[in-house]
């Protein structure tokens, strides 16, 4: 199985890019939004490894319970079954984190350069009621990317229109 990470700041178009790439490659996408919440932006990672990556790396189908977003908050939702794919795309903030770098076949960094434009796009996507959450998220991810050095490990850079 090839493992591709599509990472970058929120509001940059990672989900759209990953969906198009998945169609082109016949890949399966697992979004980090299925795991992350406003109050737990990255420490859920061991669950993704245990429930998704480890089974797939061992040639077994995976299964995880995704977070459902309603009213601006995440709650446990539907179960997602993941058959063993030829290509798996992990998409979202922290998808290309340092702890998995040695297992990634490709890292794609997607970024709209202007933070205010990213915020506008994210608010358009998630709703005005989430603006304060999104501002905090942007502050968090700036720190995360700086400490993790994610962008420096990218193989390819994409700047959506």
Protein backbone atom coordinates (compact mmCIF):
# COMPACT_ATOMS: atom_id res chain seq x y z
CA UNK A 1 0.00 0.00 0.00
CA UNK A 2 1.25 3.47 -0.91
CA UNK A 3 0.62 6.14 1.71
CA UNK A 4 0.17 9.78 0.68
CA UNK A 5 -0.38 12.69 3.08
CA UNK A 6 -2.15 15.87 1.97
CA UNK A 7 -1.39 18.50 4.62
CA UNK A 8 -1.41 22.26 5.02
CA UNK A 9 -3.31 25.04 6.78
CA UNK A 10 -7.09 25.01 7.16
CA UNK A 11 -9.08 26.70 4.42
CA UNK A 12 -6.48 25.92 1.75
CA UNK A 13 -8.41 23.30 -0.22
CA UNK A 14 -6.81 20.09 1.04
CA UNK A 15 -10.07 18.14 1.01
CA UNK A 16 -10.91 19.19 -2.54
CA UNK A 17 -7.40 18.42 -3.75
CA UNK A 18 -7.35 15.02 -1.98
CA UNK A 19 -10.74 14.06 -3.45
CA UNK A 20 -9.54 14.87 -6.98
CA UNK A 21 -6.28 13.00 -6.43
CA UNK A 22 -8.19 10.00 -5.08
CA UNK A 23 -10.35 9.88 -8.21
CA UNK A 24 -7.26 10.06 -10.41
CA UNK A 25 -5.40 7.33 -8.48
CA UNK A 26 -8.35 5.17 -7.44
CA UNK A 27 -7.27 5.85 -3.86
CA UNK A 28 -9.08 5.84 -0.54
CA UNK A 29 -9.13 9.03 1.57
CA UNK A 30 -9.18 9.12 5.36
CA UNK A 31 -9.62 12.72 6.57
CA UNK A 32 -8.09 13.86 9.83
CA UNK A 33 -11.42 15.69 10.37
CA UNK A 34 -12.83 12.26 11.14
CA UNK A 35 -10.64 12.27 14.27
CA UNK A 36 -9.77 15.85 15.28
CA UNK A 37 -11.97 18.17 17.32
CA UNK A 38 -11.70 21.80 18.39
CA UNK A 39 -10.45 20.65 21.80
CA UNK A 40 -8.27 17.80 20.52
CA UNK A 41 -6.52 18.97 17.36
CA UNK A 42 -3.74 16.35 17.21
CA UNK A 43 -3.48 13.96 20.17
CA UNK A 44 -6.02 11.55 18.61
CA UNK A 45 -3.27 10.27 16.26
CA UNK A 46 -2.64 6.95 18.09
CA UNK A 47 -6.26 6.02 17.39
CA UNK A 48 -5.78 6.58 13.64
CA UNK A 49 -2.63 4.45 13.74
CA UNK A 50 -4.24 1.63 15.75
CA UNK A 51 -7.61 1.58 13.97
CA UNK A 52 -6.61 2.44 10.39
CA UNK A 53 -2.91 2.36 9.57
CA UNK A 54 -1.77 -0.72 11.51
CA UNK A 55 -4.49 -3.02 10.09
CA UNK A 56 -3.93 -1.74 6.54
CA UNK A 57 -0.13 -2.12 6.83
CA UNK A 58 -0.77 -5.73 7.83
CA UNK A 59 -3.05 -6.37 4.85
CA UNK A 60 -6.29 -6.28 6.87
CA UNK A 61 -9.33 -4.07 6.41
CA UNK A 62 -9.66 -1.24 8.91
CA UNK A 63 -12.60 0.18 10.81
CA UNK A 64 -12.95 3.38 12.81
CA UNK A 65 -15.64 5.58 14.27
CA UNK A 66 -15.63 9.01 12.71
CA UNK A 67 -16.44 12.30 14.37
CA UNK A 68 -19.65 13.88 13.07
CA UNK A 69 -19.80 17.66 13.05
CA UNK A 70 -23.16 19.22 13.93
CA UNK A 71 -23.82 22.67 15.30
CA UNK A 72 -20.11 23.44 15.31
CA UNK A 73 -19.14 20.56 17.60
CA UNK A 74 -17.89 17.05 16.98
CA UNK A 75 -19.45 13.94 18.45
CA UNK A 76 -18.87 10.22 17.79
CA UNK A 77 -20.71 9.24 14.64
CA UNK A 78 -20.88 6.47 12.07
CA UNK A 79 -18.44 3.60 11.68
CA UNK A 80 -16.27 3.73 8.57
CA UNK A 81 -14.94 0.55 6.95
CA UNK A 82 -11.71 0.86 4.97
CA UNK A 83 -10.81 -2.04 2.67
CA UNK A 84 -7.10 -2.45 1.95
CA UNK A 85 -6.39 0.05 -0.85
CA UNK A 86 -3.52 0.28 -3.30
CA UNK A 87 -3.17 3.94 -2.28
CA UNK A 88 -4.33 5.53 0.97
CA UNK A 89 -4.49 9.30 1.27
CA UNK A 90 -4.52 10.79 4.75
CA UNK A 91 -5.86 14.31 4.35
CA UNK A 92 -5.90 17.18 6.80
CA UNK A 93 -3.93 19.24 9.28
CA UNK A 94 -1.17 17.04 10.76
CA UNK A 95 -1.56 14.24 8.18
CA UNK A 96 2.16 14.44 7.33
CA UNK A 97 3.35 14.73 10.92
CA UNK A 98 6.95 13.91 11.74
CA UNK A 99 6.02 10.72 13.62
CA UNK A 100 4.91 9.06 10.39
CA UNK A 101 7.33 10.67 7.95
CA UNK A 102 9.36 7.50 7.36
CA UNK A 103 6.20 5.60 6.30
CA UNK A 104 4.93 8.20 3.83
CA UNK A 105 5.49 7.66 0.12
CA UNK A 106 4.58 11.26 -0.70
CA UNK A 107 3.76 14.47 1.16
CA UNK A 108 1.70 17.10 -0.65
CA UNK A 109 1.51 20.53 0.96
CA UNK A 110 -1.61 22.51 -0.03
CA UNK A 111 -1.66 26.16 0.96
CA UNK A 112 -3.47 29.35 0.09
CA UNK A 113 -0.76 31.86 1.12
CA UNK A 114 -2.96 34.57 2.68
CA UNK A 115 -4.21 33.65 6.19
CA UNK A 116 -7.21 36.01 5.93
CA UNK A 117 -8.25 34.35 2.66
CA UNK A 118 -7.90 30.94 4.31
CA UNK A 119 -10.09 32.14 7.19
CA UNK A 120 -12.68 33.50 4.75
CA UNK A 121 -12.75 30.18 2.90
CA UNK A 122 -13.00 28.17 6.13
CA UNK A 123 -15.85 30.35 7.45
CA UNK A 124 -17.61 29.97 4.10
CA UNK A 125 -17.24 26.19 4.44
CA UNK A 126 -18.02 25.81 8.17
CA UNK A 127 -20.30 28.77 8.86
CA UNK A 128 -20.00 32.13 10.55
CA UNK A 129 -20.76 30.58 13.96
CA UNK A 130 -17.39 28.80 13.76
CA UNK A 131 -15.28 31.92 13.08
CA UNK A 132 -13.86 32.09 16.63
CA UNK A 133 -13.05 28.35 16.59
CA UNK A 134 -11.37 28.75 13.22
CA UNK A 135 -9.24 31.68 14.41
CA UNK A 136 -8.05 29.59 17.38
CA UNK A 137 -7.44 26.65 15.04
CA UNK A 138 -5.32 28.82 12.74
CA UNK A 139 -3.22 29.96 15.72
CA UNK A 140 -2.81 26.34 16.82
CA UNK A 141 -1.80 25.08 13.38
CA UNK A 142 0.80 27.84 12.90
CA UNK A 143 2.51 26.60 16.05
CA UNK A 144 2.04 22.94 15.11
CA UNK A 145 3.57 23.35 11.66
CA UNK A 146 6.49 25.39 13.03
CA UNK A 147 7.37 22.77 15.65
CA UNK A 148 6.67 19.72 13.46
CA UNK A 149 8.48 21.15 10.40
CA UNK A 150 5.78 19.66 8.19
CA UNK A 151 6.13 21.94 5.17
CA UNK A 152 9.89 21.33 4.92
CA UNK A 153 9.23 17.59 4.35
CA UNK A 154 6.79 18.12 1.46
CA UNK A 155 7.54 16.48 -1.88
CA UNK A 156 5.07 18.63 -3.78
CA UNK A 157 3.46 22.04 -3.22
CA UNK A 158 0.01 23.02 -4.42
CA UNK A 159 -1.44 26.54 -4.35
CA UNK A 160 -5.16 26.38 -5.23
CA UNK A 161 -6.78 29.23 -7.14
